[in-house]
């Protein structure tokens, strides 16, 4: 069981706090006359292109605009939050890479510092609570990832995020940005209880969720929000694909994200993965080949994790086409990528070794095949299907 699920519940509760401001009109002005930047239409127009640049991995262009906002609104947490979001997406393609952690966390700490100052101003308190919950929430996403597993820090930021939820709960008007957190909470608070029996007592302590409502809320954010729109689409895509058995719905989102942000490696590999899993091999093949070409050319964000997916899919595709030399080449690349990122305990790695053994057998290279099968037997878990297959092949030899 993923211990991060415990953190997930706490974080999602905090996410309910995201963006619930005083009653605003479309210009982002409160009843007391204060401009709420996150709801200000002119601000959204000003940063629209830079947000597109961010998600399309044109970080330098995006950050140039964010730096201008930092100059103009140095007192406000929004510019620092956007700069932190930029760092987050540098992390996203490969969560095992910690080179951006310090900068990301520094920006989120600055968001917290600026927000705490705003929090002392009564008419700014709810806006400040939004950014405090958001910053702590993003820190929690990092700390609770399978690659970090920093449960102590995750618990601390979770507690801090929950501290500000009471500042927002009970407001009559809820912006569409806030529905991102509402949707996540409504869905996962139920899903966790359904799938992790031991956590049911924990979930019972929280307000009751609604999975169907959560999905609808994420859809609404995907259609109508500004700052949280793309983040909502990412979660909705993953929920539909992994938990709701709606591959078609997930595919349409993945296709949209890849077409809208064609240089985003995370979206690119997810789209290729959806094409492969749906059996659309003729469309998956050029996408996977392009991913590998971009890795070889050193394109920003394209790295071994994406390469492992793309190479394995190509190995499978060419093996099904009985082009065994090409299949061998891509299975070998899968093994190289997996070893590069320390993913030699993954199915992609083990099944690539098994396939290389099978290809060797087809060529009459029994000693080579035996070496591959023995390697699978050595490195895979005995309970794994691939371990059984390797044992059977060794017995048949």
Protein backbone atom coordinates (compact mmCIF):
# COMPACT_ATOMS: atom_id res chain seq x y z
CA UNK A 1 0.00 0.00 0.00
CA UNK A 2 1.30 3.46 -0.80
CA UNK A 3 1.85 5.37 2.40
CA UNK A 4 1.40 8.52 0.34
CA UNK A 5 -2.35 7.84 0.33
CA UNK A 6 -2.54 8.98 3.94
CA UNK A 7 -0.92 12.26 2.93
CA UNK A 8 -3.21 12.46 -0.08
CA UNK A 9 -6.30 12.68 2.10
CA UNK A 10 -4.78 15.44 4.22
CA UNK A 11 -3.61 17.39 1.20
CA UNK A 12 -6.93 17.09 -0.59
CA UNK A 13 -8.73 18.41 2.43
CA UNK A 14 -6.38 21.37 2.30
CA UNK A 15 -7.07 21.73 -1.40
CA UNK A 16 -10.66 22.53 -0.52
CA UNK A 17 -9.23 25.83 0.67
CA UNK A 18 -7.74 26.77 -2.70
CA UNK A 19 -9.16 29.99 -4.06
CA UNK A 20 -12.21 30.65 -1.90
CA UNK A 21 -12.04 34.42 -1.74
CA UNK A 22 -14.45 37.15 -0.80
CA UNK A 23 -17.32 37.64 -3.18
CA UNK A 24 -15.84 38.97 -6.43
CA UNK A 25 -17.04 40.16 -9.77
CA UNK A 26 -15.33 39.33 -13.08
CA UNK A 27 -12.69 42.00 -12.50
CA UNK A 28 -11.47 40.32 -9.32
CA UNK A 29 -12.44 43.17 -6.99
CA UNK A 30 -13.83 42.35 -3.56
CA UNK A 31 -16.72 44.07 -1.86
CA UNK A 32 -14.14 46.07 0.10
CA UNK A 33 -12.52 47.33 -3.11
CA UNK A 34 -9.38 45.17 -2.95
CA UNK A 35 -8.11 43.61 -6.19
CA UNK A 36 -7.77 39.83 -5.95
CA UNK A 37 -4.99 39.07 -8.41
CA UNK A 38 -5.85 35.42 -8.92
CA UNK A 39 -9.38 36.41 -10.00
CA UNK A 40 -8.40 39.55 -11.92
CA UNK A 41 -9.30 39.23 -15.61
CA UNK A 42 -6.55 41.58 -16.79
CA UNK A 43 -3.98 39.56 -14.89
CA UNK A 44 -5.18 36.40 -16.62
CA UNK A 45 -4.86 38.09 -20.00
CA UNK A 46 -1.35 39.25 -19.13
CA UNK A 47 -0.09 35.82 -18.10
CA UNK A 48 -2.03 33.65 -20.56
CA UNK A 49 0.86 33.21 -23.01
CA UNK A 50 3.39 32.64 -20.26
CA UNK A 51 1.18 29.90 -18.77
CA UNK A 52 1.06 28.28 -22.20
CA UNK A 53 4.84 28.58 -22.42
CA UNK A 54 5.23 26.97 -19.01
CA UNK A 55 3.21 23.89 -19.92
CA UNK A 56 4.94 23.69 -23.30
CA UNK A 57 8.34 23.58 -21.52
CA UNK A 58 9.39 27.01 -22.80
CA UNK A 59 10.49 27.87 -19.31
CA UNK A 60 12.76 30.79 -20.14
CA UNK A 61 9.95 32.70 -21.89
CA UNK A 62 7.44 31.90 -19.15
CA UNK A 63 9.78 32.89 -16.36
CA UNK A 64 10.64 36.18 -18.04
CA UNK A 65 7.00 37.21 -17.67
CA UNK A 66 6.80 35.83 -14.14
CA UNK A 67 9.90 37.83 -13.20
CA UNK A 68 8.18 40.96 -14.50
CA UNK A 69 5.19 40.18 -12.29
CA UNK A 70 7.58 39.71 -9.38
CA UNK A 71 8.98 43.20 -10.06
CA UNK A 72 5.50 44.69 -10.33
CA UNK A 73 3.90 42.77 -7.44
CA UNK A 74 6.89 41.97 -5.24
CA UNK A 75 4.65 42.00 -2.16
CA UNK A 76 2.23 39.43 -3.57
CA UNK A 77 2.65 35.62 -3.49
CA UNK A 78 1.25 35.03 -7.01
CA UNK A 79 4.48 35.66 -9.01
CA UNK A 80 6.46 33.38 -6.72
CA UNK A 81 3.79 30.71 -6.96
CA UNK A 82 3.97 30.80 -10.76
CA UNK A 83 7.76 30.59 -10.65
CA UNK A 84 7.42 27.63 -8.30
CA UNK A 85 4.92 26.00 -10.66
CA UNK A 86 7.50 26.36 -13.42
CA UNK A 87 10.03 24.49 -11.28
CA UNK A 88 7.42 21.82 -10.51
CA UNK A 89 7.01 21.05 -14.19
CA UNK A 90 10.76 20.72 -14.56
CA UNK A 91 10.46 17.96 -11.97
CA UNK A 92 7.37 16.24 -13.42
CA UNK A 93 8.95 14.22 -16.27
CA UNK A 94 11.31 12.45 -13.86
CA UNK A 95 10.38 12.64 -10.20
CA UNK A 96 13.59 10.82 -9.26
CA UNK A 97 15.61 13.85 -10.39
CA UNK A 98 16.09 16.09 -7.35
CA UNK A 99 18.07 18.87 -9.03
CA UNK A 100 15.10 21.26 -9.05
CA UNK A 101 13.85 20.47 -5.55
CA UNK A 102 15.71 23.24 -3.75
CA UNK A 103 14.56 25.99 -6.12
CA UNK A 104 10.98 24.71 -6.14
CA UNK A 105 10.83 24.57 -2.36
CA UNK A 106 12.46 27.99 -2.05
CA UNK A 107 9.75 29.56 -4.22
CA UNK A 108 7.02 27.84 -2.23
CA UNK A 109 8.64 29.03 1.00
CA UNK A 110 8.58 32.56 -0.42
CA UNK A 111 4.89 32.14 -1.27
CA UNK A 112 4.31 31.14 2.34
CA UNK A 113 6.30 34.09 3.68
CA UNK A 114 4.48 36.65 1.49
CA UNK A 115 1.14 35.04 2.28
CA UNK A 116 1.74 35.15 6.01
CA UNK A 117 2.30 38.91 5.72
CA UNK A 118 -0.93 39.27 3.73
CA UNK A 119 -2.69 37.14 6.29
CA UNK A 120 -2.25 39.90 8.86
CA UNK A 121 -4.38 42.25 6.72
CA UNK A 122 -8.05 41.43 7.41
CA UNK A 123 -9.34 42.15 3.89
CA UNK A 124 -6.51 40.03 2.42
CA UNK A 125 -6.79 37.11 4.82
CA UNK A 126 -8.81 34.75 2.64
CA UNK A 127 -6.64 35.44 -0.41
CA UNK A 128 -3.58 34.74 1.72
CA UNK A 129 -5.12 31.49 2.95
CA UNK A 130 -5.52 30.40 -0.67
CA UNK A 131 -1.80 30.71 -1.35
CA UNK A 132 -0.80 29.21 1.97
CA UNK A 133 -2.88 26.11 1.28
CA UNK A 134 -1.65 25.98 -2.32
CA UNK A 135 2.03 26.27 -1.40
CA UNK A 136 1.80 23.68 1.36
CA UNK A 137 -0.21 21.44 -0.98
CA UNK A 138 2.45 21.50 -3.68
CA UNK A 139 5.17 20.86 -1.13
CA UNK A 140 3.16 17.87 0.02
CA UNK A 141 2.90 16.54 -3.54
CA UNK A 142 6.69 16.48 -3.68
CA UNK A 143 7.40 15.12 -0.21
CA UNK A 144 4.81 12.35 -0.48
CA UNK A 145 5.88 11.13 -3.93
CA UNK A 146 7.12 7.57 -4.21
CA UNK A 147 10.54 8.96 -5.12
CA UNK A 148 10.88 11.21 -2.01
CA UNK A 149 8.90 9.31 0.65
CA UNK A 150 9.54 12.08 3.17
CA UNK A 151 6.55 11.28 5.32
CA UNK A 152 7.61 13.46 8.27
CA UNK A 153 7.78 16.62 6.17
CA UNK A 154 4.61 15.61 4.34
CA UNK A 155 2.82 15.37 7.67
CA UNK A 156 4.12 18.77 8.78
CA UNK A 157 3.04 20.61 5.63
CA UNK A 158 -0.25 18.74 5.71
CA UNK A 159 -0.91 20.02 9.20
CA UNK A 160 0.02 23.54 8.12
CA UNK A 161 -2.27 23.37 5.11
CA UNK A 162 -5.19 22.22 7.20
CA UNK A 163 -4.61 25.12 9.57
CA UNK A 164 -5.80 27.55 6.90
CA UNK A 165 -8.81 25.59 5.73
CA UNK A 166 -10.99 27.04 8.47
CA UNK A 167 -10.33 30.53 7.07
CA UNK A 168 -12.14 29.61 3.88
CA UNK A 169 -14.73 27.01 4.78
CA UNK A 170 -18.28 28.29 4.77
CA UNK A 171 -17.93 31.01 2.14
CA UNK A 172 -20.99 31.36 -0.05
CA UNK A 173 -19.22 32.06 -3.32
CA UNK A 174 -16.71 29.51 -4.64
CA UNK A 175 -14.62 30.31 -7.71
CA UNK A 176 -14.08 27.70 -10.40
CA UNK A 177 -10.38 27.59 -9.44
CA UNK A 178 -11.36 26.22 -6.05
CA UNK A 179 -13.33 23.37 -7.60
CA UNK A 180 -10.01 21.75 -8.49
CA UNK A 181 -9.39 20.95 -4.84
CA UNK A 182 -13.06 20.18 -4.21
CA UNK A 183 -13.10 17.71 -7.09
CA UNK A 184 -9.93 15.94 -5.99
CA UNK A 185 -11.20 15.63 -2.45
CA UNK A 186 -14.64 14.41 -3.45
CA UNK A 187 -13.16 11.72 -5.67
CA UNK A 188 -10.18 10.45 -3.68
CA UNK A 189 -11.78 10.58 -0.23
CA UNK A 190 -14.18 7.90 -1.50
CA UNK A 191 -11.66 6.04 -3.69
CA UNK A 192 -9.16 5.62 -0.87
CA UNK A 193 -11.81 4.17 1.41
CA UNK A 194 -12.93 1.74 -1.30
CA UNK A 195 -9.45 0.52 -2.13
CA UNK A 196 -7.62 0.65 1.20
CA UNK A 197 -9.67 -1.03 3.91
CA UNK A 198 -7.29 -0.07 6.72
CA UNK A 199 -7.77 3.62 5.90
CA UNK A 200 -11.56 3.53 6.16
CA UNK A 201 -11.54 4.70 9.80
CA UNK A 202 -9.30 7.62 8.81
CA UNK A 203 -11.53 8.59 5.90
CA UNK A 204 -14.59 8.40 8.16
CA UNK A 205 -13.21 11.30 10.19
CA UNK A 206 -13.46 13.62 7.16
CA UNK A 207 -16.48 15.06 5.37
CA UNK A 208 -18.17 12.56 3.07
CA UNK A 209 -17.04 12.72 -0.55
CA UNK A 210 -18.79 11.95 -3.82
CA UNK A 211 -16.78 10.35 -6.66
CA UNK A 212 -19.21 11.25 -9.44
CA UNK A 213 -19.44 14.82 -8.24
CA UNK A 214 -15.66 14.97 -7.99
CA UNK A 215 -15.26 13.94 -11.62
CA UNK A 216 -17.86 16.50 -12.72
CA UNK A 217 -16.09 19.23 -10.74
CA UNK A 218 -12.76 18.35 -12.35
CA UNK A 219 -14.46 18.51 -15.74
CA UNK A 220 -15.81 21.97 -14.96
CA UNK A 221 -12.36 23.17 -13.89
CA UNK A 222 -10.91 21.67 -17.08
CA UNK A 223 -13.39 23.68 -19.14
CA UNK A 224 -13.58 26.96 -17.27
CA UNK A 225 -10.67 27.59 -14.88
CA UNK A 226 -7.51 29.49 -15.68
CA UNK A 227 -4.70 28.75 -13.22
CA UNK A 228 -5.82 25.22 -12.32
CA UNK A 229 -7.26 24.17 -15.69
CA UNK A 230 -4.33 22.12 -16.95
CA UNK A 231 -3.59 20.61 -13.53
CA UNK A 232 -7.22 19.47 -13.34
CA UNK A 233 -7.00 17.90 -16.79
CA UNK A 234 -3.90 15.94 -15.77
CA UNK A 235 -5.64 14.50 -12.71
CA UNK A 236 -8.85 13.81 -14.64
CA UNK A 237 -6.90 11.99 -17.35
CA UNK A 238 -5.15 9.80 -14.81
CA UNK A 239 -8.35 9.10 -12.86
CA UNK A 240 -10.29 8.06 -15.97
CA UNK A 241 -7.48 5.86 -17.24
CA UNK A 242 -6.31 4.22 -14.02
CA UNK A 243 -9.42 4.03 -11.84
CA UNK A 244 -12.58 4.54 -13.89
CA UNK A 245 -11.96 2.17 -16.82
CA UNK A 246 -12.63 5.02 -19.23
CA UNK A 247 -9.69 4.75 -21.62
CA UNK A 248 -11.56 6.65 -24.33
CA UNK A 249 -12.16 9.64 -22.05
CA UNK A 250 -8.55 9.63 -20.90
CA UNK A 251 -7.33 9.33 -24.47
CA UNK A 252 -9.19 12.43 -25.64
CA UNK A 253 -7.66 14.45 -22.81
CA UNK A 254 -4.17 13.10 -23.52
CA UNK A 255 -4.57 13.91 -27.20
CA UNK A 256 -5.72 17.44 -26.42
CA UNK A 257 -2.86 18.05 -23.98
CA UNK A 258 -0.24 16.76 -26.41
CA UNK A 259 -1.63 18.76 -29.31
CA UNK A 260 -1.90 21.91 -27.20
CA UNK A 261 1.54 21.52 -25.60
CA UNK A 262 3.48 19.40 -28.13
CA UNK A 263 6.85 19.94 -26.43
CA UNK A 264 5.73 18.78 -23.00
CA UNK A 265 7.45 15.38 -22.52
CA UNK A 266 5.04 14.20 -19.81
CA UNK A 267 2.03 14.82 -22.06
CA UNK A 268 3.89 13.33 -25.03
CA UNK A 269 4.69 10.04 -23.33
CA UNK A 270 1.20 9.76 -21.78
CA UNK A 271 -0.33 10.21 -25.23
CA UNK A 272 2.01 7.57 -26.68
CA UNK A 273 1.12 5.27 -23.81
CA UNK A 274 -2.59 5.71 -24.45
CA UNK A 275 -2.15 5.00 -28.16
CA UNK A 276 -0.20 1.84 -27.38
CA UNK A 277 -2.59 0.57 -24.71
CA UNK A 278 -5.56 1.09 -27.05
CA UNK A 279 -3.83 -0.89 -29.80
CA UNK A 280 -3.36 2.07 -32.14
CA UNK A 281 0.13 0.93 -33.07
CA UNK A 282 0.37 2.77 -36.38
CA UNK A 283 -0.10 6.07 -34.53
CA UNK A 284 1.92 5.07 -31.47
CA UNK A 285 5.03 4.15 -33.45
CA UNK A 286 5.89 7.62 -34.84
CA UNK A 287 5.17 9.24 -31.46
CA UNK A 288 7.52 6.83 -29.70
CA UNK A 289 10.18 7.31 -32.35
CA UNK A 290 9.89 11.07 -31.93
CA UNK A 291 10.29 10.75 -28.15
CA UNK A 292 13.52 8.80 -28.61
CA UNK A 293 14.77 11.26 -31.21
CA UNK A 294 14.13 14.14 -28.83
CA UNK A 295 16.00 12.33 -26.08
CA UNK A 296 18.95 11.75 -28.41
CA UNK A 297 18.90 15.44 -29.37
CA UNK A 298 18.89 16.54 -25.73
CA UNK A 299 15.53 18.33 -25.91
CA UNK A 300 14.50 19.80 -22.58
CA UNK A 301 12.52 17.46 -20.36
CA UNK A 302 13.01 14.37 -22.50
CA UNK A 303 14.94 11.80 -20.48
CA UNK A 304 15.30 8.12 -19.61
CA UNK A 305 11.87 7.69 -18.02
CA UNK A 306 10.13 8.73 -21.23
CA UNK A 307 12.68 6.71 -23.18
CA UNK A 308 11.93 3.55 -21.24
CA UNK A 309 8.23 3.81 -22.13
CA UNK A 310 8.82 4.68 -25.78
CA UNK A 311 11.49 2.05 -26.38
CA UNK A 312 9.44 -0.73 -24.79
CA UNK A 313 6.35 0.15 -26.83
CA UNK A 314 8.44 0.12 -30.01
CA UNK A 315 9.94 -3.24 -29.05
CA UNK A 316 6.45 -4.67 -28.62
CA UNK A 317 5.20 -3.14 -31.85
CA UNK A 318 8.09 -4.45 -33.93
CA UNK A 319 7.92 -7.87 -32.28
CA UNK A 320 4.24 -8.09 -33.22
CA UNK A 321 5.28 -7.15 -36.78
CA UNK A 322 7.89 -9.96 -36.62
CA UNK A 323 10.66 -7.47 -37.29
CA UNK A 324 12.86 -9.04 -34.65
CA UNK A 325 16.04 -7.10 -35.31
CA UNK A 326 14.21 -3.81 -34.72
CA UNK A 327 12.45 -5.28 -31.71
CA UNK A 328 15.79 -6.38 -30.25
CA UNK A 329 17.23 -2.88 -30.72
CA UNK A 330 14.40 -1.23 -28.80
CA UNK A 331 14.27 -3.83 -26.03
CA UNK A 332 17.98 -3.24 -25.51
CA UNK A 333 17.33 0.49 -25.24
CA UNK A 334 14.58 -0.18 -22.72
CA UNK A 335 17.06 -2.10 -20.57
CA UNK A 336 19.59 0.74 -20.88
CA UNK A 337 17.06 3.40 -19.91
CA UNK A 338 15.78 1.34 -16.98
CA UNK A 339 19.28 0.83 -15.62
CA UNK A 340 20.06 4.52 -16.09
CA UNK A 341 17.24 5.56 -13.75
CA UNK A 342 17.52 2.60 -11.39
CA UNK A 343 14.24 1.07 -12.60
CA UNK A 344 15.59 -2.46 -12.89
CA UNK A 345 12.75 -3.68 -10.71
CA UNK A 346 10.07 -2.67 -13.21
CA UNK A 347 7.97 -4.77 -15.54
CA UNK A 348 9.27 -2.90 -18.58
CA UNK A 349 12.79 -3.98 -17.67
CA UNK A 350 11.98 -7.61 -16.86
CA UNK A 351 9.75 -8.18 -19.87
CA UNK A 352 12.36 -6.61 -22.15
CA UNK A 353 14.92 -9.12 -20.85
CA UNK A 354 12.43 -11.94 -21.40
CA UNK A 355 11.73 -10.73 -24.95
CA UNK A 356 15.47 -10.51 -25.70
CA UNK A 357 15.75 -14.13 -24.57
CA UNK A 358 12.88 -15.13 -26.86
CA UNK A 359 14.47 -13.33 -29.81
CA UNK A 360 17.78 -15.07 -29.12
CA UNK A 361 15.96 -18.40 -29.08
CA UNK A 362 14.44 -17.64 -32.48
CA UNK A 363 17.97 -17.14 -33.79
CA UNK A 364 19.13 -20.40 -32.27
CA UNK A 365 21.31 -18.63 -29.69
CA UNK A 366 20.37 -20.84 -26.75
CA UNK A 367 23.24 -19.78 -24.49
CA UNK A 368 22.34 -16.09 -24.96
CA UNK A 369 18.67 -16.84 -24.32
CA UNK A 370 19.55 -18.80 -21.19
CA UNK A 371 21.52 -15.84 -19.84
CA UNK A 372 18.54 -13.50 -20.33
CA UNK A 373 16.09 -15.93 -18.71
CA UNK A 374 18.40 -16.47 -15.74
CA UNK A 375 18.73 -12.70 -15.34
CA UNK A 376 14.94 -12.37 -15.21
CA UNK A 377 14.76 -15.18 -12.68
CA UNK A 378 17.43 -13.49 -10.58
CA UNK A 379 16.04 -9.94 -10.64
CA UNK A 380 12.26 -10.35 -10.75
CA UNK A 381 10.11 -11.25 -7.75
CA UNK A 382 9.22 -14.93 -7.59
CA UNK A 383 5.53 -14.04 -7.35
CA UNK A 384 5.70 -12.07 -10.62
CA UNK A 385 4.29 -13.60 -13.79
CA UNK A 386 7.50 -12.78 -15.67
CA UNK A 387 9.49 -14.84 -13.13
CA UNK A 388 7.26 -17.84 -13.82
CA UNK A 389 7.64 -17.38 -17.58
CA UNK A 390 11.42 -17.27 -17.27
CA UNK A 391 11.42 -20.46 -15.15
CA UNK A 392 9.28 -22.24 -17.70
CA UNK A 393 11.56 -21.22 -20.57
CA UNK A 394 14.64 -22.38 -18.66
CA UNK A 395 12.95 -25.72 -17.97
CA UNK A 396 12.11 -26.11 -21.66
CA UNK A 397 15.75 -25.47 -22.57
